[in-house]
Amino acid sequence: MFTMASTSYTGWVKAITDDPVGVDLCSTKLTLSWYDYGSTIGYKSRDLSTWAANPSSLGTHWYVIGSTLDNYSLNSSKTQLTQKGYGYYRNYDFLDDDEETRVTHIISITAKNDGTYSYVVDWERWGESWITLDLDIETN
């Protein structure tokens, strides 16, 4: 029996929403692991984690509404593997207890057959004082 030698890699990207003074309010972390067979790659594992400050150090309460982890896709030449994930959050006491603020994180990781990966992070925010929110990105 012939076994193809492989190396595995893991990449992760974390989107963090913080308030005007830098307090973290919510975050989404997408992790993708893949096998590198030299000229092609294959799927190994994936994970999506969400977190919301409840309460934050400033006393506001954020909630995870949910998350979505799409199916991964492999290009036709099996040299790129893409994984996408979403995290959804809300808050009712940012400033006015009668107003809602919402945030969505959108993260995509594309693994390549040379052991590297690229990523795209986007977000949506709306509701009370949405313009004051900031997005930070961390990677490994």
Protein backbone atom coordinates (compact mmCIF):
# COMPACT_ATOMS: atom_id res chain seq x y z
CA MET A 1 0.00 0.00 0.00
CA PHE A 2 1.30 3.46 -0.97
CA THR A 3 0.91 6.34 1.50
CA MET A 4 1.40 9.88 0.29
CA ALA A 5 3.60 11.96 2.63
CA SER A 6 2.00 15.12 3.87
CA THR A 7 2.57 18.05 6.16
CA SER A 8 -0.26 19.80 7.96
CA TYR A 9 -0.68 23.49 8.64
CA THR A 10 -3.10 25.59 10.66
CA GLY A 11 -4.06 29.21 10.15
CA TRP A 12 -6.44 31.35 12.16
CA VAL A 13 -7.88 34.83 11.90
CA LYS A 14 -9.70 36.71 14.67
CA ALA A 15 -11.95 39.75 14.18
CA ILE A 16 -12.46 41.86 17.30
CA THR A 17 -14.91 44.73 17.70
CA ASP A 18 -14.01 47.27 20.33
CA ASP A 19 -15.49 50.52 21.57
CA PRO A 20 -13.99 54.03 21.26
CA VAL A 21 -11.65 53.54 24.25
CA GLY A 22 -10.40 50.13 23.06
CA VAL A 23 -12.49 47.79 25.22
CA ASP A 24 -13.14 44.47 23.42
CA LEU A 25 -16.88 43.90 22.94
CA CYS A 26 -17.13 40.80 20.72
CA SER A 27 -14.91 38.58 18.63
CA THR A 28 -15.02 35.83 16.01
CA LYS A 29 -12.13 33.42 15.39
CA LEU A 30 -11.95 31.20 12.31
CA THR A 31 -9.38 28.38 12.26
CA LEU A 32 -8.52 26.21 9.24
CA SER A 33 -6.15 23.23 9.16
CA TRP A 34 -5.07 21.56 5.93
CA TYR A 35 -2.78 18.88 4.56
CA ASP A 36 -0.08 19.86 2.08
CA TYR A 37 0.81 17.03 -0.29
CA GLY A 38 3.36 19.07 -2.27
CA SER A 39 1.51 20.03 -5.41
CA THR A 40 -2.00 19.74 -3.92
CA ILE A 41 -3.72 20.28 -0.56
CA GLY A 42 -6.57 18.66 1.33
CA TYR A 43 -8.96 19.57 4.13
CA LYS A 44 -8.04 18.55 7.70
CA SER A 45 -10.30 20.50 10.13
CA ARG A 46 -11.97 23.81 10.87
CA ASP A 47 -13.40 25.68 13.82
CA LEU A 48 -15.37 28.86 14.44
CA SER A 49 -15.56 30.40 17.89
CA THR A 50 -17.49 33.44 19.07
CA TRP A 51 -17.28 35.56 22.20
CA ALA A 52 -19.18 38.55 23.59
CA ALA A 53 -18.36 40.70 26.63
CA ASN A 54 -21.13 40.22 29.16
CA PRO A 55 -20.45 42.50 30.87
CA SER A 56 -17.62 44.49 29.32
CA SER A 57 -15.21 46.34 31.62
CA LEU A 58 -17.37 49.42 31.04
CA GLY A 59 -20.56 47.64 32.13
CA THR A 60 -22.18 47.11 28.73
CA HIS A 61 -23.63 43.71 27.79
CA TRP A 62 -23.02 42.11 24.40
CA TYR A 63 -24.63 38.88 23.23
CA VAL A 64 -23.77 36.27 20.62
CA ILE A 65 -26.80 35.95 18.34
CA GLY A 66 -25.26 33.05 16.44
CA SER A 67 -22.63 31.95 13.96
CA THR A 68 -22.40 30.31 10.55
CA LEU A 69 -19.59 28.10 9.29
CA ASP A 70 -19.86 27.61 5.52
CA ASN A 71 -18.75 24.40 3.83
CA TYR A 72 -15.15 24.61 2.69
CA SER A 73 -14.36 24.74 -1.02
CA LEU A 74 -11.37 23.36 -2.90
CA ASN A 75 -10.42 24.79 -6.30
CA SER A 76 -10.31 22.46 -9.34
CA SER A 77 -6.51 22.09 -9.28
CA LYS A 78 -6.60 21.34 -5.52
CA THR A 79 -4.07 24.08 -4.77
CA GLN A 80 -6.34 26.39 -2.74
CA LEU A 81 -8.82 25.59 0.03
CA THR A 82 -11.23 28.30 1.19
CA GLN A 83 -13.23 28.46 4.42
CA LYS A 84 -15.67 31.22 5.43
CA GLY A 85 -17.31 31.94 8.78
CA TYR A 86 -19.62 34.55 10.30
CA GLY A 87 -20.28 35.77 13.85
CA TYR A 88 -23.41 37.76 14.80
CA TYR A 89 -23.71 40.01 17.89
CA ARG A 90 -26.05 42.52 19.54
CA ASN A 91 -26.15 44.99 22.41
CA TYR A 92 -28.99 46.90 24.09
CA ASP A 93 -27.12 49.09 26.58
CA PHE A 94 -24.32 50.73 24.61
CA LEU A 95 -25.66 54.22 25.46
CA ASP A 96 -29.48 54.13 25.37
CA ASP A 97 -31.16 51.00 26.80
CA ASP A 98 -33.97 51.37 24.24
CA GLU A 99 -31.63 51.26 21.22
CA GLU A 100 -29.95 48.22 19.70
CA THR A 101 -26.46 47.94 18.20
CA ARG A 102 -25.54 44.97 15.97
CA VAL A 103 -22.26 43.67 14.58
CA THR A 104 -21.50 40.92 12.05
CA HIS A 105 -17.98 39.61 11.45
CA ILE A 106 -17.22 37.93 8.11
CA ILE A 107 -13.93 36.01 7.83
CA SER A 108 -12.54 34.05 4.88
CA ILE A 109 -9.30 32.03 4.90
CA THR A 110 -7.72 30.64 1.72
CA ALA A 111 -5.04 28.01 2.35
CA LYS A 112 -2.43 27.44 -0.34
CA ASN A 113 -0.27 24.45 -1.31
CA ASP A 114 2.91 26.18 -0.15
CA GLY A 115 1.94 26.21 3.55
CA THR A 116 0.74 29.81 3.53
CA TYR A 117 -2.71 31.33 3.67
CA SER A 118 -4.40 34.61 2.86
CA TYR A 119 -7.48 36.08 4.49
CA VAL A 120 -10.21 38.66 4.10
CA VAL A 121 -12.06 40.17 7.05
CA ASP A 122 -15.14 42.31 6.64
CA TRP A 123 -17.84 43.45 9.01
CA GLU A 124 -21.22 45.07 9.19
CA ARG A 125 -22.37 47.29 12.03
CA TRP A 126 -25.56 49.23 12.52
CA GLY A 127 -27.80 50.71 15.16
CA GLU A 128 -26.98 53.06 17.98
CA SER A 129 -23.53 54.69 17.75
CA TRP A 130 -22.31 52.08 15.24
CA ILE A 131 -19.88 54.64 13.77
CA THR A 132 -17.87 54.69 17.03
CA LEU A 133 -17.05 50.96 16.89
CA ASP A 134 -13.64 49.78 15.68
CA LEU A 135 -12.42 46.51 14.14
CA ASP A 136 -9.11 44.88 15.06
CA ILE A 137 -7.67 41.80 13.34
CA GLU A 138 -5.28 39.21 14.78
CA THR A 139 -3.66 36.27 12.93
CA ASN A 140 -1.15 33.55 13.68
